[in-house]
Amino acid sequence: MPRFKDYNYSQHIMLVISLEEQLQPSSFWTIHHLISDKIDLSAFHADYCNDKIGRPAYDPALLLQIVLFAYYKGITSSRQIEWSCLNNIAERGPI
């Protein structure tokens, strides 16, 4: 009887991925550039009160980039946005 290596589709794998290399023109890169370099988001920063205590928060710029890119792709459901972030490397960002 032949012997085969065991495999498991539910196993986790580790991949070394440079998120910056995943940002391609006319994709998430365009929104990243717009939010990071052109729009002032300091109004969002005033609402955060975790300077000394509390868990570090996600940067509002990153969250806005994810939502705008999802809307650009026609994804408007928050559950679908979450699924896309978990399963698509280009949309995940540095979270």
PDB file of N, CA and C in Angstrom:
ATOM      1  N   MET A   1       0.846  -1.180   0.000  1.00  0.00           N
ATOM      2  CA  MET A   1       0.000   0.000   0.000  1.00  0.00           C
ATOM      3  C   MET A   1       0.887   1.237   0.000  1.00  0.00           C
ATOM      4  N   PRO A   2       0.640   2.214  -0.883  1.00  0.00           N
ATOM      5  CA  PRO A   2       1.504   3.401  -0.938  1.00  0.00           C
ATOM      6  C   PRO A   2       1.344   4.272   0.306  1.00  0.00           C
ATOM      7  N   ARG A   3       2.422   4.948   0.634  1.00  0.00           N
ATOM      8  CA  ARG A   3       2.399   5.874   1.763  1.00  0.00           C
ATOM      9  C   ARG A   3       2.487   7.292   1.220  1.00  0.00           C
ATOM     10  N   PHE A   4       1.712   8.167   1.784  1.00  0.00           N
ATOM     11  CA  PHE A   4       1.713   9.561   1.370  1.00  0.00           C
ATOM     12  C   PHE A   4       1.968  10.441   2.580  1.00  0.00           C
ATOM     13  N   LYS A   5       2.471  11.618   2.326  1.00  0.00           N
ATOM     14  CA  LYS A   5       2.641  12.577   3.396  1.00  0.00           C
ATOM     15  C   LYS A   5       1.274  13.039   3.886  1.00  0.00           C
ATOM     16  N   ASP A   6       1.172  13.249   5.174  1.00  0.00           N
ATOM     17  CA  ASP A   6      -0.074  13.756   5.732  1.00  0.00           C
ATOM     18  C   ASP A   6      -0.275  15.208   5.319  1.00  0.00           C
ATOM     19  N   TYR A   7      -1.506  15.578   5.112  1.00  0.00           N
ATOM     20  CA  TYR A   7      -1.826  16.976   4.820  1.00  0.00           C
ATOM     21  C   TYR A   7      -3.074  17.357   5.585  1.00  0.00           C
ATOM     22  N   ASN A   8      -3.196  18.646   5.829  1.00  0.00           N
ATOM     23  CA  ASN A   8      -4.313  19.152   6.609  1.00  0.00           C
ATOM     24  C   ASN A   8      -4.675  20.522   6.052  1.00  0.00           C
ATOM     25  N   TYR A   9      -5.860  20.635   5.475  1.00  0.00           N
ATOM     26  CA  TYR A   9      -6.270  21.900   4.878  1.00  0.00           C
ATOM     27  C   TYR A   9      -6.587  22.970   5.921  1.00  0.00           C
ATOM     28  N   SER A  10      -6.765  22.585   7.169  1.00  0.00           N
ATOM     29  CA  SER A  10      -7.072  23.577   8.194  1.00  0.00           C
ATOM     30  C   SER A  10      -5.817  24.085   8.897  1.00  0.00           C
ATOM     31  N   GLN A  11      -4.649  23.699   8.423  1.00  0.00           N
ATOM     32  CA  GLN A  11      -3.416  24.147   9.062  1.00  0.00           C
ATOM     33  C   GLN A  11      -3.110  25.596   8.714  1.00  0.00           C
ATOM     34  N   HIS A  12      -2.400  26.253   9.591  1.00  0.00           N
ATOM     35  CA  HIS A  12      -1.987  27.632   9.364  1.00  0.00           C
ATOM     36  C   HIS A  12      -0.627  27.640   8.683  1.00  0.00           C
ATOM     37  N   ILE A  13      -0.424  28.636   7.831  1.00  0.00           N
ATOM     38  CA  ILE A  13       0.876  28.784   7.186  1.00  0.00           C
ATOM     39  C   ILE A  13       1.382  30.192   7.446  1.00  0.00           C
ATOM     40  N   MET A  14       2.672  30.330   7.455  1.00  0.00           N
ATOM     41  CA  MET A  14       3.269  31.645   7.633  1.00  0.00           C
ATOM     42  C   MET A  14       3.923  32.064   6.322  1.00  0.00           C
ATOM     43  N   LEU A  15       3.554  33.226   5.852  1.00  0.00           N
ATOM     44  CA  LEU A  15       4.115  33.757   4.623  1.00  0.00           C
ATOM     45  C   LEU A  15       4.811  35.075   4.934  1.00  0.00           C
ATOM     46  N   VAL A  16       5.951  35.274   4.342  1.00  0.00           N
ATOM     47  CA  VAL A  16       6.643  36.546   4.479  1.00  0.00           C
ATOM     48  C   VAL A  16       6.193  37.413   3.312  1.00  0.00           C
ATOM     49  N   ILE A  17       5.477  38.487   3.635  1.00  0.00           N
ATOM     50  CA  ILE A  17       4.914  39.350   2.604  1.00  0.00           C
ATOM     51  C   ILE A  17       5.237  40.790   2.940  1.00  0.00           C
ATOM     52  N   SER A  18       5.756  41.507   1.976  1.00  0.00           N
ATOM     53  CA  SER A  18       5.963  42.940   2.132  1.00  0.00           C
ATOM     54  C   SER A  18       4.680  43.634   1.696  1.00  0.00           C
ATOM     55  N   LEU A  19       4.009  44.264   2.644  1.00  0.00           N
ATOM     56  CA  LEU A  19       2.752  44.933   2.308  1.00  0.00           C
ATOM     57  C   LEU A  19       2.971  46.069   1.323  1.00  0.00           C
ATOM     58  N   GLU A  20       4.121  46.720   1.407  1.00  0.00           N
ATOM     59  CA  GLU A  20       4.408  47.821   0.489  1.00  0.00           C
ATOM     60  C   GLU A  20       4.502  47.325  -0.956  1.00  0.00           C
ATOM     61  N   GLU A  21       5.040  46.129  -1.148  1.00  0.00           N
ATOM     62  CA  GLU A  21       5.128  45.565  -2.500  1.00  0.00           C
ATOM     63  C   GLU A  21       3.760  45.160  -3.033  1.00  0.00           C
ATOM     64  N   GLN A  22       2.789  44.951  -2.159  1.00  0.00           N
ATOM     65  CA  GLN A  22       1.444  44.585  -2.583  1.00  0.00           C
ATOM     66  C   GLN A  22       0.645  45.787  -3.089  1.00  0.00           C
ATOM     67  N   LEU A  23       1.097  46.997  -2.752  1.00  0.00           N
ATOM     68  CA  LEU A  23       0.385  48.201  -3.177  1.00  0.00           C
ATOM     69  C   LEU A  23       0.726  48.511  -4.621  1.00  0.00           C
ATOM     70  N   GLN A  24      -0.190  48.207  -5.502  1.00  0.00           N
ATOM     71  CA  GLN A  24       0.012  48.426  -6.926  1.00  0.00           C
ATOM     72  C   GLN A  24      -0.742  49.674  -7.376  1.00  0.00           C
ATOM     73  N   PRO A  25      -0.196  50.417  -8.358  1.00  0.00           N
ATOM     74  CA  PRO A  25      -0.938  51.567  -8.891  1.00  0.00           C
ATOM     75  C   PRO A  25      -2.328  51.135  -9.361  1.00  0.00           C
ATOM     76  N   SER A  26      -3.279  52.012  -9.208  1.00  0.00           N
ATOM     77  CA  SER A  26      -4.698  51.809  -9.540  1.00  0.00           C
ATOM     78  C   SER A  26      -5.350  50.743  -8.671  1.00  0.00           C
ATOM     79  N   SER A  27      -4.800  50.527  -7.514  1.00  0.00           N
ATOM     80  CA  SER A  27      -5.445  49.622  -6.568  1.00  0.00           C
ATOM     81  C   SER A  27      -5.471  50.326  -5.222  1.00  0.00           C
ATOM     82  N   PHE A  28      -5.176  49.606  -4.174  1.00  0.00           N
ATOM     83  CA  PHE A  28      -5.171  50.172  -2.830  1.00  0.00           C
ATOM     84  C   PHE A  28      -4.145  51.296  -2.715  1.00  0.00           C
ATOM     85  N   TRP A  29      -3.098  51.266  -3.541  1.00  0.00           N
ATOM     86  CA  TRP A  29      -2.044  52.274  -3.486  1.00  0.00           C
ATOM     87  C   TRP A  29      -2.598  53.678  -3.688  1.00  0.00           C
ATOM     88  N   THR A  30      -3.521  53.842  -4.600  1.00  0.00           N
ATOM     89  CA  THR A  30      -4.093  55.156  -4.897  1.00  0.00           C
ATOM     90  C   THR A  30      -4.796  55.725  -3.670  1.00  0.00           C
ATOM     91  N   ILE A  31      -5.601  54.920  -3.008  1.00  0.00           N
ATOM     92  CA  ILE A  31      -6.300  55.377  -1.812  1.00  0.00           C
ATOM     93  C   ILE A  31      -5.312  55.600  -0.676  1.00  0.00           C
ATOM     94  N   HIS A  32      -4.324  54.733  -0.553  1.00  0.00           N
ATOM     95  CA  HIS A  32      -3.288  54.895   0.470  1.00  0.00           C
ATOM     96  C   HIS A  32      -2.577  56.241   0.301  1.00  0.00           C
ATOM     97  N   HIS A  33      -2.194  56.555  -0.918  1.00  0.00           N
ATOM     98  CA  HIS A  33      -1.508  57.816  -1.201  1.00  0.00           C
ATOM     99  C   HIS A  33      -2.415  59.010  -0.895  1.00  0.00           C
ATOM    100  N   LEU A  34      -3.663  58.935  -1.279  1.00  0.00           N
ATOM    101  CA  LEU A  34      -4.606  60.028  -1.047  1.00  0.00           C
ATOM    102  C   LEU A  34      -4.788  60.286   0.447  1.00  0.00           C
ATOM    103  N   ILE A  35      -5.048  59.250   1.211  1.00  0.00           N
ATOM    104  CA  ILE A  35      -5.299  59.408   2.647  1.00  0.00           C
ATOM    105  C   ILE A  35      -4.022  59.793   3.390  1.00  0.00           C
ATOM    106  N   SER A  36      -2.904  59.175   3.063  1.00  0.00           N
ATOM    107  CA  SER A  36      -1.658  59.419   3.794  1.00  0.00           C
ATOM    108  C   SER A  36      -1.038  60.775   3.495  1.00  0.00           C
ATOM    109  N   ASP A  37      -1.146  61.234   2.243  1.00  0.00           N
ATOM    110  CA  ASP A  37      -0.408  62.433   1.837  1.00  0.00           C
ATOM    111  C   ASP A  37      -1.271  63.667   1.576  1.00  0.00           C
ATOM    112  N   LYS A  38      -2.545  63.502   1.318  1.00  0.00           N
ATOM    113  CA  LYS A  38      -3.344  64.639   0.868  1.00  0.00           C
ATOM    114  C   LYS A  38      -4.424  65.094   1.846  1.00  0.00           C
ATOM    115  N   ILE A  39      -4.879  64.214   2.725  1.00  0.00           N
ATOM    116  CA  ILE A  39      -6.005  64.551   3.596  1.00  0.00           C
ATOM    117  C   ILE A  39      -5.532  64.682   5.042  1.00  0.00           C
ATOM    118  N   ASP A  40      -5.960  65.755   5.698  1.00  0.00           N
ATOM    119  CA  ASP A  40      -5.623  65.983   7.098  1.00  0.00           C
ATOM    120  C   ASP A  40      -6.665  65.285   7.974  1.00  0.00           C
ATOM    121  N   LEU A  41      -6.225  64.303   8.742  1.00  0.00           N
ATOM    122  CA  LEU A  41      -7.126  63.536   9.598  1.00  0.00           C
ATOM    123  C   LEU A  41      -6.945  63.876  11.074  1.00  0.00           C
ATOM    124  N   SER A  42      -6.374  65.029  11.360  1.00  0.00           N
ATOM    125  CA  SER A  42      -6.114  65.389  12.755  1.00  0.00           C
ATOM    126  C   SER A  42      -7.401  65.547  13.559  1.00  0.00           C
ATOM    127  N   ALA A  43      -8.514  65.814  12.927  1.00  0.00           N
ATOM    128  CA  ALA A  43      -9.788  65.928  13.648  1.00  0.00           C
ATOM    129  C   ALA A  43     -10.169  64.598  14.299  1.00  0.00           C
ATOM    130  N   PHE A  44      -9.795  63.487  13.682  1.00  0.00           N
ATOM    131  CA  PHE A  44     -10.071  62.177  14.265  1.00  0.00           C
ATOM    132  C   PHE A  44      -9.223  61.924  15.507  1.00  0.00           C
ATOM    133  N   HIS A  45      -8.012  62.466  15.530  1.00  0.00           N
ATOM    134  CA  HIS A  45      -7.077  62.186  16.623  1.00  0.00           C
ATOM    135  C   HIS A  45      -7.536  62.775  17.950  1.00  0.00           C
ATOM    136  N   ALA A  46      -8.323  63.827  17.930  1.00  0.00           N
ATOM    137  CA  ALA A  46      -8.769  64.477  19.162  1.00  0.00           C
ATOM    138  C   ALA A  46      -9.682  63.566  19.980  1.00  0.00           C
ATOM    139  N   ASP A  47     -10.349  62.621  19.350  1.00  0.00           N
ATOM    140  CA  ASP A  47     -11.273  61.737  20.049  1.00  0.00           C
ATOM    141  C   ASP A  47     -10.574  60.623  20.833  1.00  0.00           C
ATOM    142  N   TYR A  48      -9.295  60.410  20.604  1.00  0.00           N
ATOM    143  CA  TYR A  48      -8.573  59.333  21.267  1.00  0.00           C
ATOM    144  C   TYR A  48      -7.950  59.844  22.562  1.00  0.00           C
ATOM    145  N   CYS A  49      -8.210  59.154  23.654  1.00  0.00           N
ATOM    146  CA  CYS A  49      -7.685  59.535  24.972  1.00  0.00           C
ATOM    147  C   CYS A  49      -6.870  58.392  25.562  1.00  0.00           C
ATOM    148  N   ASN A  50      -6.002  57.798  24.791  1.00  0.00           N
ATOM    149  CA  ASN A  50      -5.215  56.663  25.271  1.00  0.00           C
ATOM    150  C   ASN A  50      -3.723  56.970  25.277  1.00  0.00           C
ATOM    151  N   ASP A  51      -3.357  58.212  25.583  1.00  0.00           N
ATOM    152  CA  ASP A  51      -1.946  58.587  25.590  1.00  0.00           C
ATOM    153  C   ASP A  51      -1.147  57.811  26.635  1.00  0.00           C
ATOM    154  N   LYS A  52      -1.682  57.701  27.830  1.00  0.00           N
ATOM    155  CA  LYS A  52      -0.943  57.082  28.920  1.00  0.00           C
ATOM    156  C   LYS A  52      -1.490  55.713  29.311  1.00  0.00           C
ATOM    157  N   ILE A  53      -2.789  55.538  29.203  1.00  0.00           N
ATOM    158  CA  ILE A  53      -3.393  54.255  29.564  1.00  0.00           C
ATOM    159  C   ILE A  53      -4.258  53.773  28.407  1.00  0.00           C
ATOM    160  N   GLY A  54      -4.595  52.514  28.463  1.00  0.00           N
ATOM    161  CA  GLY A  54      -5.454  51.955  27.413  1.00  0.00           C
ATOM    162  C   GLY A  54      -4.648  51.292  26.314  1.00  0.00           C
ATOM    163  N   ARG A  55      -5.330  50.517  25.566  1.00  0.00           N
ATOM    164  CA  ARG A  55      -4.716  49.778  24.462  1.00  0.00           C
ATOM    165  C   ARG A  55      -4.471  50.707  23.279  1.00  0.00           C
ATOM    166  N   PRO A  56      -3.366  50.530  22.550  1.00  0.00           N
ATOM    167  CA  PRO A  56      -3.153  51.328  21.340  1.00  0.00           C
ATOM    168  C   PRO A  56      -4.281  51.099  20.332  1.00  0.00           C
ATOM    169  N   ALA A  57      -4.719  52.159  19.718  1.00  0.00           N
ATOM    170  CA  ALA A  57      -5.823  52.083  18.756  1.00  0.00           C
ATOM    171  C   ALA A  57      -5.286  51.940  17.336  1.00  0.00           C
ATOM    172  N   TYR A  58      -6.151  51.459  16.452  1.00  0.00           N
ATOM    173  CA  TYR A  58      -5.804  51.443  15.036  1.00  0.00           C
ATOM    174  C   TYR A  58      -5.831  52.873  14.520  1.00  0.00           C
ATOM    175  N   ASP A  59      -4.913  53.191  13.638  1.00  0.00           N
ATOM    176  CA  ASP A  59      -4.846  54.529  13.055  1.00  0.00           C
ATOM    177  C   ASP A  59      -6.101  54.768  12.202  1.00  0.00           C
ATOM    178  N   PRO A  60      -6.816  55.877  12.433  1.00  0.00           N
ATOM    179  CA  PRO A  60      -8.008  56.158  11.637  1.00  0.00           C
ATOM    180  C   PRO A  60      -7.723  56.222  10.136  1.00  0.00           C
ATOM    181  N   ALA A  61      -6.518  56.628   9.764  1.00  0.00           N
ATOM    182  CA  ALA A  61      -6.157  56.680   8.341  1.00  0.00           C
ATOM    183  C   ALA A  61      -6.224  55.286   7.724  1.00  0.00           C
ATOM    184  N   LEU A  62      -5.718  54.294   8.433  1.00  0.00           N
ATOM    185  CA  LEU A  62      -5.735  52.923   7.930  1.00  0.00           C
ATOM    186  C   LEU A  62      -7.162  52.409   7.814  1.00  0.00           C
ATOM    187  N   LEU A  63      -7.981  52.669   8.817  1.00  0.00           N
ATOM    188  CA  LEU A  63      -9.371  52.213   8.775  1.00  0.00           C
ATOM    189  C   LEU A  63     -10.140  52.876   7.638  1.00  0.00           C
ATOM    190  N   LEU A  64      -9.890  54.171   7.428  1.00  0.00           N
ATOM    191  CA  LEU A  64     -10.547  54.883   6.329  1.00  0.00           C
ATOM    192  C   LEU A  64     -10.104  54.332   4.974  1.00  0.00           C
ATOM    193  N   GLN A  65      -8.830  53.999   4.857  1.00  0.00           N
ATOM    194  CA  GLN A  65      -8.328  53.417   3.611  1.00  0.00           C
ATOM    195  C   GLN A  65      -9.025  52.095   3.306  1.00  0.00           C
ATOM    196  N   ILE A  66      -9.194  51.271   4.321  1.00  0.00           N
ATOM    197  CA  ILE A  66      -9.833  49.971   4.120  1.00  0.00           C
ATOM    198  C   ILE A  66     -11.285  50.146   3.680  1.00  0.00           C
ATOM    199  N   VAL A  67     -12.012  51.037   4.348  1.00  0.00           N
ATOM    200  CA  VAL A  67     -13.422  51.243   4.010  1.00  0.00           C
ATOM    201  C   VAL A  67     -13.567  51.832   2.609  1.00  0.00           C
ATOM    202  N   LEU A  68     -12.759  52.831   2.269  1.00  0.00           N
ATOM    203  CA  LEU A  68     -12.861  53.444   0.940  1.00  0.00           C
ATOM    204  C   LEU A  68     -12.510  52.452  -0.169  1.00  0.00           C
ATOM    205  N   PHE A  69     -11.495  51.615   0.069  1.00  0.00           N
ATOM    206  CA  PHE A  69     -11.126  50.627  -0.945  1.00  0.00           C
ATOM    207  C   PHE A  69     -12.237  49.595  -1.117  1.00  0.00           C
ATOM    208  N   ALA A  70     -12.857  49.203  -0.024  1.00  0.00           N
ATOM    209  CA  ALA A  70     -13.973  48.255  -0.115  1.00  0.00           C
ATOM    210  C   ALA A  70     -15.126  48.879  -0.897  1.00  0.00           C
ATOM    211  N   TYR A  71     -15.456  50.132  -0.603  1.00  0.00           N
ATOM    212  CA  TYR A  71     -16.527  50.809  -1.337  1.00  0.00           C
ATOM    213  C   TYR A  71     -16.175  50.923  -2.819  1.00  0.00           C
ATOM    214  N   TYR A  72     -14.911  51.195  -3.114  1.00  0.00           N
ATOM    215  CA  TYR A  72     -14.443  51.282  -4.500  1.00  0.00           C
ATOM    216  C   TYR A  72     -14.693  49.961  -5.231  1.00  0.00           C
ATOM    217  N   LYS A  73     -14.524  48.856  -4.511  1.00  0.00           N
ATOM    218  CA  LYS A  73     -14.736  47.537  -5.113  1.00  0.00           C
ATOM    219  C   LYS A  73     -16.192  47.105  -5.067  1.00  0.00           C
ATOM    220  N   GLY A  74     -17.080  47.949  -4.521  1.00  0.00           N
ATOM    221  CA  GLY A  74     -18.501  47.619  -4.470  1.00  0.00           C
ATOM    222  C   GLY A  74     -18.906  46.837  -3.240  1.00  0.00           C
ATOM    223  N   ILE A  75     -18.026  46.744  -2.264  1.00  0.00           N
ATOM    224  CA  ILE A  75     -18.334  46.025  -1.026  1.00  0.00           C
ATOM    225  C   ILE A  75     -18.815  47.049  -0.004  1.00  0.00           C
ATOM    226  N   THR A  76     -20.072  46.947   0.402  1.00  0.00           N
ATOM    227  CA  THR A  76     -20.613  47.916   1.358  1.00  0.00           C
ATOM    228  C   THR A  76     -21.005  47.270   2.688  1.00  0.00           C
ATOM    229  N   SER A  77     -21.061  45.972   2.738  1.00  0.00           N
ATOM    230  CA  SER A  77     -21.404  45.279   3.973  1.00  0.00           C
ATOM    231  C   SER A  77     -20.184  45.195   4.880  1.00  0.00           C
ATOM    232  N   SER A  78     -20.358  45.536   6.156  1.00  0.00           N
ATOM    233  CA  SER A  78     -19.228  45.481   7.085  1.00  0.00           C
ATOM    234  C   SER A  78     -18.737  44.045   7.266  1.00  0.00           C
ATOM    235  N   ARG A  79     -19.614  43.085   7.176  1.00  0.00           N
ATOM    236  CA  ARG A  79     -19.193  41.678   7.286  1.00  0.00           C
ATOM    237  C   ARG A  79     -18.374  41.256   6.079  1.00  0.00           C
ATOM    238  N   GLN A  80     -18.757  41.724   4.913  1.00  0.00           N
ATOM    239  CA  GLN A  80     -17.979  41.403   3.708  1.00  0.00           C
ATOM    240  C   GLN A  80     -16.625  42.119   3.734  1.00  0.00           C
ATOM    241  N   ILE A  81     -16.589  43.333   4.277  1.00  0.00           N
ATOM    242  CA  ILE A  81     -15.312  44.053   4.409  1.00  0.00           C
ATOM    243  C   ILE A  81     -14.397  43.286   5.348  1.00  0.00           C
ATOM    244  N   GLU A  82     -14.927  42.810   6.466  1.00  0.00           N
ATOM    245  CA  GLU A  82     -14.125  42.023   7.406  1.00  0.00           C
ATOM    246  C   GLU A  82     -13.591  40.766   6.735  1.00  0.00           C
ATOM    247  N   TRP A  83     -14.460  40.045   6.010  1.00  0.00           N
ATOM    248  CA  TRP A  83     -14.045  38.828   5.328  1.00  0.00           C
ATOM    249  C   TRP A  83     -12.937  39.129   4.319  1.00  0.00           C
ATOM    250  N   SER A  84     -13.097  40.217   3.594  1.00  0.00           N
ATOM    251  CA  SER A  84     -12.107  40.597   2.588  1.00  0.00           C
ATOM    252  C   SER A  84     -10.768  40.918   3.243  1.00  0.00           C
ATOM    253  N   CYS A  85     -10.798  41.600   4.377  1.00  0.00           N
ATOM    254  CA  CYS A  85      -9.553  41.927   5.086  1.00  0.00           C
ATOM    255  C   CYS A  85      -8.855  40.674   5.601  1.00  0.00           C
ATOM    256  N   LEU A  86      -9.625  39.702   6.029  1.00  0.00           N
ATOM    257  CA  LEU A  86      -9.041  38.480   6.561  1.00  0.00           C
ATOM    258  C   LEU A  86      -8.507  37.567   5.462  1.00  0.00           C
ATOM    259  N   ASN A  87      -9.076  37.631   4.271  1.00  0.00           N
ATOM    260  CA  ASN A  87      -8.741  36.676   3.222  1.00  0.00           C
ATOM    261  C   ASN A  87      -7.995  37.231   2.030  1.00  0.00           C
ATOM    262  N   ASN A  88      -7.846  38.539   1.945  1.00  0.00           N
ATOM    263  CA  ASN A  88      -7.162  39.139   0.806  1.00  0.00           C
ATOM    264  C   ASN A  88      -5.973  39.943   1.325  1.00  0.00           C
ATOM    265  N   ILE A  89      -4.786  39.519   0.978  1.00  0.00           N
ATOM    266  CA  ILE A  89      -3.563  40.145   1.483  1.00  0.00           C
ATOM    267  C   ILE A  89      -3.479  41.614   1.095  1.00  0.00           C
ATOM    268  N   ALA A  90      -3.852  41.955  -0.127  1.00  0.00           N
ATOM    269  CA  ALA A  90      -3.722  43.343  -0.583  1.00  0.00           C
ATOM    270  C   ALA A  90      -4.628  44.282   0.198  1.00  0.00           C
ATOM    271  N   GLU A  91      -5.734  43.781   0.734  1.00  0.00           N
ATOM    272  CA  GLU A  91      -6.659  44.638   1.467  1.00  0.00           C
ATOM    273  C   GLU A  91      -6.413  44.618   2.964  1.00  0.00           C
ATOM    274  N   ARG A  92      -5.585  43.739   3.418  1.00  0.00           N
ATOM    275  CA  ARG A  92      -5.386  43.584   4.842  1.00  0.00           C
ATOM    276  C   ARG A  92      -4.698  44.782   5.462  1.00  0.00           C
ATOM    277  N   GLY A  93      -3.696  45.302   4.798  1.00  0.00           N
ATOM    278  CA  GLY A  93      -2.966  46.423   5.387  1.00  0.00           C
ATOM    279  C   GLY A  93      -2.105  45.938   6.537  1.00  0.00           C
ATOM    280  N   PRO A  94      -1.450  46.846   7.218  1.00  0.00           N
ATOM    281  CA  PRO A  94      -0.527  46.438   8.278  1.00  0.00           C
ATOM    282  C   PRO A  94      -1.216  46.188   9.615  1.00  0.00           C
ATOM    283  N   ILE A  95      -2.426  45.664   9.599  1.00  0.00           N
ATOM    284  CA  ILE A  95      -3.112  45.379  10.871  1.00  0.00           C
ATOM    285  C   ILE A  95      -2.626  44.053  11.396  1.00  0.00           C
TER     286      ILE A  95
END
